[in-house]
Amino acid sequence: MNRIILGVDPGSRATGYGLIAAAGESLLHLESGFIALPAQLSHSQRLTRIYQRLESLISRYNPEALAVEAVFLAHNVQSALKLGQVRGVVLLAAGQADIPVFEYSPLTLKKAIVGYGQATKTQVLLMVENLLGLTLNNHNTADALALSLCHHFHSRWPQRSVSPAAI
């Protein structure tokens, strides 16, 4: 396998991560899961936990790219602020390791994985399981793996490649 891609699904309660290795049509699941962020931790402790875990994964696997969702939904301003801070930590971890970050809209992600931009989270999870031969029970993990797969699908054909800002 010649390409390793890390997908991250930022969340203030759980941050999903998924690493795949890819070579042409061959895909291999390397590691996935979520970083649990218990309510008893302060927000700064949660951010530190996310950073340390991502730093460890990056150090171990040396991914060539990090894929993250471009837009997020928040129920209120406070939630948006916290989620933005989590995204900032994800970007910092990638930047510290000099890993390019690629952002994909939810529509692009769902089209790449399911073939339908209005797919449900369950449909995305089932397709990720099918593509990687896994059984998953967590949407954060499935979304992170979907981001890794989405980046692989969008970056393997030079004529279809676009800059991260355009996606």
C-alpha atoms as a PDB file:
ATOM      1  CA  MET A   1       0.000   0.000   0.000  1.00  0.00           C
ATOM      2  CA  ASN A   2       1.479   3.314  -0.956  1.00  0.00           C
ATOM      3  CA  ARG A   3      -0.926   5.946   0.383  1.00  0.00           C
ATOM      4  CA  ILE A   4      -2.048   6.400   3.960  1.00  0.00           C
ATOM      5  CA  ILE A   5      -4.923   8.780   4.616  1.00  0.00           C
ATOM      6  CA  LEU A   6      -6.238   9.943   7.983  1.00  0.00           C
ATOM      7  CA  GLY A   7      -9.862  11.046   8.195  1.00  0.00           C
ATOM      8  CA  VAL A   8     -11.068  12.973  11.231  1.00  0.00           C
ATOM      9  CA  ASP A   9     -14.672  13.661  12.252  1.00  0.00           C
ATOM     10  CA  PRO A  10     -14.339  16.477  14.808  1.00  0.00           C
ATOM     11  CA  GLY A  11     -16.757  16.490  17.701  1.00  0.00           C
ATOM     12  CA  SER A  12     -16.793  18.101  21.122  1.00  0.00           C
ATOM     13  CA  ARG A  13     -18.073  14.911  22.775  1.00  0.00           C
ATOM     14  CA  ALA A  14     -16.315  12.335  20.580  1.00  0.00           C
ATOM     15  CA  THR A  15     -13.871  12.847  17.734  1.00  0.00           C
ATOM     16  CA  GLY A  16     -13.748  10.033  15.223  1.00  0.00           C
ATOM     17  CA  TYR A  17     -10.624   8.995  13.356  1.00  0.00           C
ATOM     18  CA  GLY A  18      -9.994   6.516  10.573  1.00  0.00           C
ATOM     19  CA  LEU A  19      -6.821   5.501   8.782  1.00  0.00           C
ATOM     20  CA  ILE A  20      -6.755   3.662   5.487  1.00  0.00           C
ATOM     21  CA  ALA A  21      -3.980   2.540   3.186  1.00  0.00           C
ATOM     22  CA  ALA A  22      -4.704   2.567  -0.513  1.00  0.00           C
ATOM     23  CA  ALA A  23      -3.010   1.455  -3.694  1.00  0.00           C
ATOM     24  CA  GLY A  24      -5.108   1.771  -6.832  1.00  0.00           C
ATOM     25  CA  GLU A  25      -8.336  -0.114  -6.180  1.00  0.00           C
ATOM     26  CA  SER A  26      -7.008  -1.885  -3.087  1.00  0.00           C
ATOM     27  CA  LEU A  27      -8.106  -0.473   0.254  1.00  0.00           C
ATOM     28  CA  LEU A  28      -6.942  -1.546   3.678  1.00  0.00           C
ATOM     29  CA  HIS A  29      -8.326  -0.470   7.033  1.00  0.00           C
ATOM     30  CA  LEU A  30      -5.396   0.350   9.325  1.00  0.00           C
ATOM     31  CA  GLU A  31      -7.013   1.733  12.452  1.00  0.00           C
ATOM     32  CA  SER A  32     -10.128   3.582  13.483  1.00  0.00           C
ATOM     33  CA  GLY A  33     -12.076   4.597  16.519  1.00  0.00           C
ATOM     34  CA  PHE A  34     -13.044   7.653  18.426  1.00  0.00           C
ATOM     35  CA  ILE A  35     -11.482   9.816  21.057  1.00  0.00           C
ATOM     36  CA  ALA A  36     -13.865   9.834  24.007  1.00  0.00           C
ATOM     37  CA  LEU A  37     -14.239  13.235  25.625  1.00  0.00           C
ATOM     38  CA  PRO A  38     -15.919  12.743  29.013  1.00  0.00           C
ATOM     39  CA  ALA A  39     -18.063  15.575  30.358  1.00  0.00           C
ATOM     40  CA  GLN A  40     -16.013  15.778  33.559  1.00  0.00           C
ATOM     41  CA  LEU A  41     -12.975  16.996  31.594  1.00  0.00           C
ATOM     42  CA  SER A  42     -12.602  20.717  31.037  1.00  0.00           C
ATOM     43  CA  HIS A  43     -12.782  21.902  27.445  1.00  0.00           C
ATOM     44  CA  SER A  44      -9.028  22.545  27.389  1.00  0.00           C
ATOM     45  CA  GLN A  45      -8.411  18.991  28.668  1.00  0.00           C
ATOM     46  CA  ARG A  46     -10.633  17.629  25.882  1.00  0.00           C
ATOM     47  CA  LEU A  47      -8.704  19.616  23.265  1.00  0.00           C
ATOM     48  CA  THR A  48      -5.424  18.342  24.700  1.00  0.00           C
ATOM     49  CA  ARG A  49      -6.680  14.743  24.564  1.00  0.00           C
ATOM     50  CA  ILE A  50      -7.646  15.151  20.889  1.00  0.00           C
ATOM     51  CA  TYR A  51      -4.293  16.696  20.009  1.00  0.00           C
ATOM     52  CA  GLN A  52      -2.271  14.029  21.824  1.00  0.00           C
ATOM     53  CA  ARG A  53      -4.195  11.157  20.209  1.00  0.00           C
ATOM     54  CA  LEU A  54      -3.918  12.628  16.715  1.00  0.00           C
ATOM     55  CA  GLU A  55      -0.233  13.349  17.243  1.00  0.00           C
ATOM     56  CA  SER A  56       0.283   9.704  18.257  1.00  0.00           C
ATOM     57  CA  LEU A  57      -1.611   8.399  15.193  1.00  0.00           C
ATOM     58  CA  ILE A  58       0.292  10.717  12.869  1.00  0.00           C
ATOM     59  CA  SER A  59       3.613   9.681  14.385  1.00  0.00           C
ATOM     60  CA  ARG A  60       2.795   5.972  14.062  1.00  0.00           C
ATOM     61  CA  TYR A  61       1.326   5.954  10.530  1.00  0.00           C
ATOM     62  CA  ASN A  62       2.816   9.044   8.851  1.00  0.00           C
ATOM     63  CA  PRO A  63      -0.247   9.749   6.669  1.00  0.00           C
ATOM     64  CA  GLU A  64       0.200  11.693   3.442  1.00  0.00           C
ATOM     65  CA  ALA A  65      -3.089  13.558   3.881  1.00  0.00           C
ATOM     66  CA  LEU A  66      -5.717  14.426   6.464  1.00  0.00           C
ATOM     67  CA  ALA A  67      -9.350  14.682   5.389  1.00  0.00           C
ATOM     68  CA  VAL A  68     -11.950  16.573   7.422  1.00  0.00           C
ATOM     69  CA  GLU A  69     -15.507  17.738   6.832  1.00  0.00           C
ATOM     70  CA  ALA A  70     -15.604  21.320   5.559  1.00  0.00           C
ATOM     71  CA  VAL A  71     -18.844  22.466   7.136  1.00  0.00           C
ATOM     72  CA  PHE A  72     -20.366  21.530  10.427  1.00  0.00           C
ATOM     73  CA  LEU A  73     -23.740  22.091  12.006  1.00  0.00           C
ATOM     74  CA  ALA A  74     -24.134  23.423  15.497  1.00  0.00           C
ATOM     75  CA  HIS A  75     -27.230  23.817  17.592  1.00  0.00           C
ATOM     76  CA  ASN A  76     -26.137  27.166  18.989  1.00  0.00           C
ATOM     77  CA  VAL A  77     -23.282  29.659  19.028  1.00  0.00           C
ATOM     78  CA  GLN A  78     -21.600  28.007  22.019  1.00  0.00           C
ATOM     79  CA  SER A  79     -21.612  24.627  20.259  1.00  0.00           C
ATOM     80  CA  ALA A  80     -20.241  26.210  17.078  1.00  0.00           C
ATOM     81  CA  LEU A  81     -17.418  27.827  19.035  1.00  0.00           C
ATOM     82  CA  LYS A  82     -16.439  24.560  20.761  1.00  0.00           C
ATOM     83  CA  LEU A  83     -16.597  22.620  17.506  1.00  0.00           C
ATOM     84  CA  GLY A  84     -14.481  25.271  15.799  1.00  0.00           C
ATOM     85  CA  GLN A  85     -11.878  24.879  18.519  1.00  0.00           C
ATOM     86  CA  VAL A  86     -11.841  21.110  17.999  1.00  0.00           C
ATOM     87  CA  ARG A  87     -11.337  21.662  14.257  1.00  0.00           C
ATOM     88  CA  GLY A  88      -8.514  24.055  15.104  1.00  0.00           C
ATOM     89  CA  VAL A  89      -6.754  21.362  17.137  1.00  0.00           C
ATOM     90  CA  VAL A  90      -7.158  18.901  14.236  1.00  0.00           C
ATOM     91  CA  LEU A  91      -5.656  21.442  11.825  1.00  0.00           C
ATOM     92  CA  LEU A  92      -2.847  22.176  14.290  1.00  0.00           C
ATOM     93  CA  ALA A  93      -1.941  18.487  14.573  1.00  0.00           C
ATOM     94  CA  ALA A  94      -1.782  18.223  10.776  1.00  0.00           C
ATOM     95  CA  GLY A  95       0.156  21.473  10.449  1.00  0.00           C
ATOM     96  CA  GLN A  96       2.704  20.466  13.075  1.00  0.00           C
ATOM     97  CA  ALA A  97       3.398  17.300  11.068  1.00  0.00           C
ATOM     98  CA  ASP A  98       3.356  19.143   7.719  1.00  0.00           C
ATOM     99  CA  ILE A  99       0.436  17.046   6.463  1.00  0.00           C
ATOM    100  CA  PRO A 100      -1.839  18.678   3.882  1.00  0.00           C
ATOM    101  CA  VAL A 101      -5.474  19.022   4.945  1.00  0.00           C
ATOM    102  CA  PHE A 102      -8.329  18.420   2.522  1.00  0.00           C
ATOM    103  CA  GLU A 103     -11.846  19.523   3.391  1.00  0.00           C
ATOM    104  CA  TYR A 104     -14.955  17.933   1.891  1.00  0.00           C
ATOM    105  CA  SER A 105     -18.518  19.149   2.147  1.00  0.00           C
ATOM    106  CA  PRO A 106     -21.112  16.723   3.535  1.00  0.00           C
ATOM    107  CA  LEU A 107     -22.691  16.571   0.057  1.00  0.00           C
ATOM    108  CA  THR A 108     -19.372  15.654  -1.606  1.00  0.00           C
ATOM    109  CA  LEU A 109     -18.649  13.082   1.089  1.00  0.00           C
ATOM    110  CA  LYS A 110     -22.023  11.371   0.754  1.00  0.00           C
ATOM    111  CA  LYS A 111     -21.848  11.343  -3.046  1.00  0.00           C
ATOM    112  CA  ALA A 112     -18.362   9.815  -2.961  1.00  0.00           C
ATOM    113  CA  ILE A 113     -19.299   7.069  -0.511  1.00  0.00           C
ATOM    114  CA  VAL A 114     -22.963   6.288  -1.202  1.00  0.00           C
ATOM    115  CA  GLY A 115     -23.531   7.906  -4.586  1.00  0.00           C
ATOM    116  CA  TYR A 116     -26.319  10.089  -3.210  1.00  0.00           C
ATOM    117  CA  GLY A 117     -25.790  13.495  -1.594  1.00  0.00           C
ATOM    118  CA  GLN A 118     -28.768  13.151   0.754  1.00  0.00           C
ATOM    119  CA  ALA A 119     -27.699   9.786   2.178  1.00  0.00           C
ATOM    120  CA  THR A 120     -28.313   9.124   5.865  1.00  0.00           C
ATOM    121  CA  LYS A 121     -25.592   8.481   8.431  1.00  0.00           C
ATOM    122  CA  THR A 122     -26.676   4.831   8.500  1.00  0.00           C
ATOM    123  CA  GLN A 123     -26.288   4.524   4.733  1.00  0.00           C
ATOM    124  CA  VAL A 124     -22.782   6.012   4.970  1.00  0.00           C
ATOM    125  CA  LEU A 125     -21.890   3.607   7.795  1.00  0.00           C
ATOM    126  CA  LEU A 126     -23.147   0.584   5.832  1.00  0.00           C
ATOM    127  CA  MET A 127     -21.223   1.564   2.706  1.00  0.00           C
ATOM    128  CA  VAL A 128     -18.009   2.138   4.669  1.00  0.00           C
ATOM    129  CA  GLU A 129     -18.455  -1.312   6.221  1.00  0.00           C
ATOM    130  CA  ASN A 130     -18.961  -2.786   2.753  1.00  0.00           C
ATOM    131  CA  LEU A 131     -15.973  -1.017   1.193  1.00  0.00           C
ATOM    132  CA  LEU A 132     -13.564  -1.954   3.985  1.00  0.00           C
ATOM    133  CA  GLY A 133     -15.024  -5.291   5.104  1.00  0.00           C
ATOM    134  CA  LEU A 134     -15.653  -4.067   8.648  1.00  0.00           C
ATOM    135  CA  THR A 135     -18.393  -4.024  11.205  1.00  0.00           C
ATOM    136  CA  LEU A 136     -18.767  -0.596  12.795  1.00  0.00           C
ATOM    137  CA  ASN A 137     -21.016   0.500  15.622  1.00  0.00           C
ATOM    138  CA  ASN A 138     -20.115   4.172  15.860  1.00  0.00           C
ATOM    139  CA  HIS A 139     -21.074   6.958  13.457  1.00  0.00           C
ATOM    140  CA  ASN A 140     -18.060   9.107  14.440  1.00  0.00           C
ATOM    141  CA  THR A 141     -15.733   6.309  13.382  1.00  0.00           C
ATOM    142  CA  ALA A 142     -17.725   5.604  10.200  1.00  0.00           C
ATOM    143  CA  ASP A 143     -17.708   9.288   9.241  1.00  0.00           C
ATOM    144  CA  ALA A 144     -13.946   9.520   9.782  1.00  0.00           C
ATOM    145  CA  LEU A 145     -13.324   6.459   7.619  1.00  0.00           C
ATOM    146  CA  ALA A 146     -15.728   7.874   5.016  1.00  0.00           C
ATOM    147  CA  LEU A 147     -13.617  11.039   4.902  1.00  0.00           C
ATOM    148  CA  SER A 148     -10.472   8.968   4.306  1.00  0.00           C
ATOM    149  CA  LEU A 149     -12.206   7.063   1.514  1.00  0.00           C
ATOM    150  CA  CYS A 150     -13.637  10.245   0.022  1.00  0.00           C
ATOM    151  CA  HIS A 151     -10.179  11.771  -0.184  1.00  0.00           C
ATOM    152  CA  HIS A 152      -8.806   8.637  -1.800  1.00  0.00           C
ATOM    153  CA  PHE A 153     -11.588   8.600  -4.399  1.00  0.00           C
ATOM    154  CA  HIS A 154     -11.160  12.300  -5.193  1.00  0.00           C
ATOM    155  CA  SER A 155      -7.372  12.312  -5.362  1.00  0.00           C
ATOM    156  CA  ARG A 156      -6.531   9.200  -7.379  1.00  0.00           C
ATOM    157  CA  TRP A 157      -7.309  10.692 -10.797  1.00  0.00           C
ATOM    158  CA  PRO A 158      -5.123  13.714 -11.637  1.00  0.00           C
ATOM    159  CA  GLN A 159      -7.682  15.147 -14.063  1.00  0.00           C
ATOM    160  CA  ARG A 160     -10.296  15.189 -11.286  1.00  0.00           C
ATOM    161  CA  SER A 161      -8.072  16.590  -8.573  1.00  0.00           C
ATOM    162  CA  VAL A 162      -8.987  20.011  -7.296  1.00  0.00           C
ATOM    163  CA  SER A 163      -7.460  22.243  -4.692  1.00  0.00           C
ATOM    164  CA  PRO A 164      -8.656  21.666  -1.135  1.00  0.00           C
ATOM    165  CA  ALA A 165     -10.234  25.136  -1.020  1.00  0.00           C
ATOM    166  CA  ALA A 166     -12.434  24.343  -4.034  1.00  0.00           C
ATOM    167  CA  ILE A 167     -14.029  21.212  -2.584  1.00  0.00           C
END
